[in-house]
Protein backbone atom coordinates (compact mmCIF):
# COMPACT_ATOMS: atom_id res chain seq x y z
CA UNK A 1 0.00 0.00 0.00
CA UNK A 2 1.34 3.42 -0.87
CA UNK A 3 1.74 6.04 1.81
CA UNK A 4 0.29 9.52 1.35
CA UNK A 5 2.74 12.29 0.57
CA UNK A 6 3.46 14.76 3.30
CA UNK A 7 3.68 18.41 2.42
CA UNK A 8 5.68 20.47 4.94
CA UNK A 9 4.21 23.88 4.05
CA UNK A 10 0.60 24.97 4.38
CA UNK A 11 -0.91 28.09 2.81
CA UNK A 12 -4.23 29.82 3.11
CA UNK A 13 -5.81 31.19 -0.04
CA UNK A 14 -8.48 33.84 0.08
CA UNK A 15 -10.54 33.26 -3.02
CA UNK A 16 -13.72 34.66 -4.42
CA UNK A 17 -16.57 32.17 -4.17
CA UNK A 18 -16.79 31.88 -7.95
CA UNK A 19 -13.10 30.90 -8.21
CA UNK A 20 -13.51 28.33 -5.42
CA UNK A 21 -16.51 26.87 -7.25
CA UNK A 22 -14.53 26.65 -10.51
CA UNK A 23 -11.68 24.89 -8.71
CA UNK A 24 -14.11 22.41 -7.20
CA UNK A 25 -15.81 21.73 -10.55
CA UNK A 26 -12.58 21.21 -12.47
CA UNK A 27 -11.00 19.10 -9.72
CA UNK A 28 -14.10 16.89 -9.67
CA UNK A 29 -14.02 16.53 -13.48
CA UNK A 30 -10.33 15.56 -13.38
CA UNK A 31 -10.93 13.20 -10.44
CA UNK A 32 -8.51 15.15 -8.25
CA UNK A 33 -8.83 16.62 -4.81
CA UNK A 34 -9.03 20.40 -4.71
CA UNK A 35 -5.60 20.48 -3.07
CA UNK A 36 -4.07 18.28 -5.79
CA UNK A 37 -5.57 20.44 -8.50
CA UNK A 38 -4.25 23.62 -6.87
CA UNK A 39 -0.76 22.11 -6.42
CA UNK A 40 -0.72 21.03 -10.07
CA UNK A 41 -1.92 24.44 -11.24
CA UNK A 42 0.72 26.25 -9.19
CA UNK A 43 3.48 24.01 -10.57
CA UNK A 44 2.33 24.77 -14.13
CA UNK A 45 2.13 28.50 -13.44
CA UNK A 46 5.66 28.52 -12.02
CA UNK A 47 7.02 26.66 -15.05
CA UNK A 48 5.20 29.03 -17.41
CA UNK A 49 6.61 32.06 -15.58
CA UNK A 50 10.15 30.66 -15.74
CA UNK A 51 9.89 29.95 -19.46
CA UNK A 52 7.99 33.00 -20.67
CA UNK A 53 7.76 35.82 -18.15
CA UNK A 54 11.14 35.86 -16.40
CA UNK A 55 13.12 36.05 -19.66
CA UNK A 56 11.15 39.19 -20.57
CA UNK A 57 11.96 40.78 -17.24
CA UNK A 58 15.63 39.87 -17.64
CA UNK A 59 15.67 41.62 -21.01
CA UNK A 60 14.02 44.75 -19.59
CA UNK A 61 16.41 44.86 -16.64
CA UNK A 62 19.44 44.44 -18.88
CA UNK A 63 18.12 47.15 -21.18
CA UNK A 64 17.53 49.52 -18.26
CA UNK A 65 21.01 48.89 -16.84
CA UNK A 66 22.82 49.65 -20.11
CA UNK A 67 24.25 53.17 -20.19
C-alpha atoms as a PDB file:
ATOM      1  CA  UNK A   1       0.000   0.000   0.000  1.00  0.00           C
ATOM      2  CA  UNK A   2       1.340   3.424  -0.869  1.00  0.00           C
ATOM      3  CA  UNK A   3       1.736   6.038   1.807  1.00  0.00           C
ATOM      4  CA  UNK A   4       0.285   9.516   1.350  1.00  0.00           C
ATOM      5  CA  UNK A   5       2.739  12.288   0.570  1.00  0.00           C
ATOM      6  CA  UNK A   6       3.464  14.759   3.302  1.00  0.00           C
ATOM      7  CA  UNK A   7       3.678  18.409   2.423  1.00  0.00           C
ATOM      8  CA  UNK A   8       5.679  20.469   4.942  1.00  0.00           C
ATOM      9  CA  UNK A   9       4.214  23.883   4.048  1.00  0.00           C
ATOM     10  CA  UNK A  10       0.600  24.970   4.381  1.00  0.00           C
ATOM     11  CA  UNK A  11      -0.911  28.087   2.809  1.00  0.00           C
ATOM     12  CA  UNK A  12      -4.229  29.819   3.109  1.00  0.00           C
ATOM     13  CA  UNK A  13      -5.815  31.193  -0.044  1.00  0.00           C
ATOM     14  CA  UNK A  14      -8.480  33.844   0.085  1.00  0.00           C
ATOM     15  CA  UNK A  15     -10.544  33.257  -3.023  1.00  0.00           C
ATOM     16  CA  UNK A  16     -13.724  34.656  -4.422  1.00  0.00           C
ATOM     17  CA  UNK A  17     -16.569  32.172  -4.165  1.00  0.00           C
ATOM     18  CA  UNK A  18     -16.786  31.879  -7.954  1.00  0.00           C
ATOM     19  CA  UNK A  19     -13.101  30.896  -8.206  1.00  0.00           C
ATOM     20  CA  UNK A  20     -13.505  28.331  -5.424  1.00  0.00           C
ATOM     21  CA  UNK A  21     -16.510  26.866  -7.253  1.00  0.00           C
ATOM     22  CA  UNK A  22     -14.533  26.648 -10.507  1.00  0.00           C
ATOM     23  CA  UNK A  23     -11.678  24.886  -8.707  1.00  0.00           C
ATOM     24  CA  UNK A  24     -14.109  22.412  -7.197  1.00  0.00           C
ATOM     25  CA  UNK A  25     -15.813  21.728 -10.551  1.00  0.00           C
ATOM     26  CA  UNK A  26     -12.579  21.213 -12.469  1.00  0.00           C
ATOM     27  CA  UNK A  27     -10.997  19.102  -9.725  1.00  0.00           C
ATOM     28  CA  UNK A  28     -14.097  16.886  -9.674  1.00  0.00           C
ATOM     29  CA  UNK A  29     -14.017  16.527 -13.478  1.00  0.00           C
ATOM     30  CA  UNK A  30     -10.333  15.559 -13.382  1.00  0.00           C
ATOM     31  CA  UNK A  31     -10.930  13.196 -10.440  1.00  0.00           C
ATOM     32  CA  UNK A  32      -8.508  15.154  -8.250  1.00  0.00           C
ATOM     33  CA  UNK A  33      -8.829  16.621  -4.811  1.00  0.00           C
ATOM     34  CA  UNK A  34      -9.033  20.404  -4.713  1.00  0.00           C
ATOM     35  CA  UNK A  35      -5.599  20.482  -3.067  1.00  0.00           C
ATOM     36  CA  UNK A  36      -4.072  18.280  -5.787  1.00  0.00           C
ATOM     37  CA  UNK A  37      -5.574  20.438  -8.503  1.00  0.00           C
ATOM     38  CA  UNK A  38      -4.250  23.619  -6.875  1.00  0.00           C
ATOM     39  CA  UNK A  39      -0.758  22.112  -6.417  1.00  0.00           C
ATOM     40  CA  UNK A  40      -0.720  21.026 -10.069  1.00  0.00           C
ATOM     41  CA  UNK A  41      -1.915  24.439 -11.236  1.00  0.00           C
ATOM     42  CA  UNK A  42       0.723  26.251  -9.189  1.00  0.00           C
ATOM     43  CA  UNK A  43       3.477  24.006 -10.572  1.00  0.00           C
ATOM     44  CA  UNK A  44       2.331  24.767 -14.131  1.00  0.00           C
ATOM     45  CA  UNK A  45       2.128  28.502 -13.438  1.00  0.00           C
ATOM     46  CA  UNK A  46       5.665  28.515 -12.020  1.00  0.00           C
ATOM     47  CA  UNK A  47       7.017  26.656 -15.052  1.00  0.00           C
ATOM     48  CA  UNK A  48       5.203  29.032 -17.406  1.00  0.00           C
ATOM     49  CA  UNK A  49       6.614  32.055 -15.578  1.00  0.00           C
ATOM     50  CA  UNK A  50      10.148  30.656 -15.736  1.00  0.00           C
ATOM     51  CA  UNK A  51       9.895  29.946 -19.462  1.00  0.00           C
ATOM     52  CA  UNK A  52       7.987  32.996 -20.673  1.00  0.00           C
ATOM     53  CA  UNK A  53       7.758  35.816 -18.153  1.00  0.00           C
ATOM     54  CA  UNK A  54      11.137  35.856 -16.395  1.00  0.00           C
ATOM     55  CA  UNK A  55      13.121  36.045 -19.665  1.00  0.00           C
ATOM     56  CA  UNK A  56      11.151  39.191 -20.575  1.00  0.00           C
ATOM     57  CA  UNK A  57      11.962  40.781 -17.240  1.00  0.00           C
ATOM     58  CA  UNK A  58      15.626  39.867 -17.636  1.00  0.00           C
ATOM     59  CA  UNK A  59      15.673  41.624 -21.010  1.00  0.00           C
ATOM     60  CA  UNK A  60      14.015  44.748 -19.587  1.00  0.00           C
ATOM     61  CA  UNK A  61      16.411  44.858 -16.638  1.00  0.00           C
ATOM     62  CA  UNK A  62      19.442  44.440 -18.878  1.00  0.00           C
ATOM     63  CA  UNK A  63      18.124  47.148 -21.184  1.00  0.00           C
ATOM     64  CA  UNK A  64      17.533  49.517 -18.259  1.00  0.00           C
ATOM     65  CA  UNK A  65      21.008  48.894 -16.839  1.00  0.00           C
ATOM     66  CA  UNK A  66      22.816  49.652 -20.109  1.00  0.00           C
ATOM     67  CA  UNK A  67      24.251  53.174 -20.195  1.00  0.00           C
END
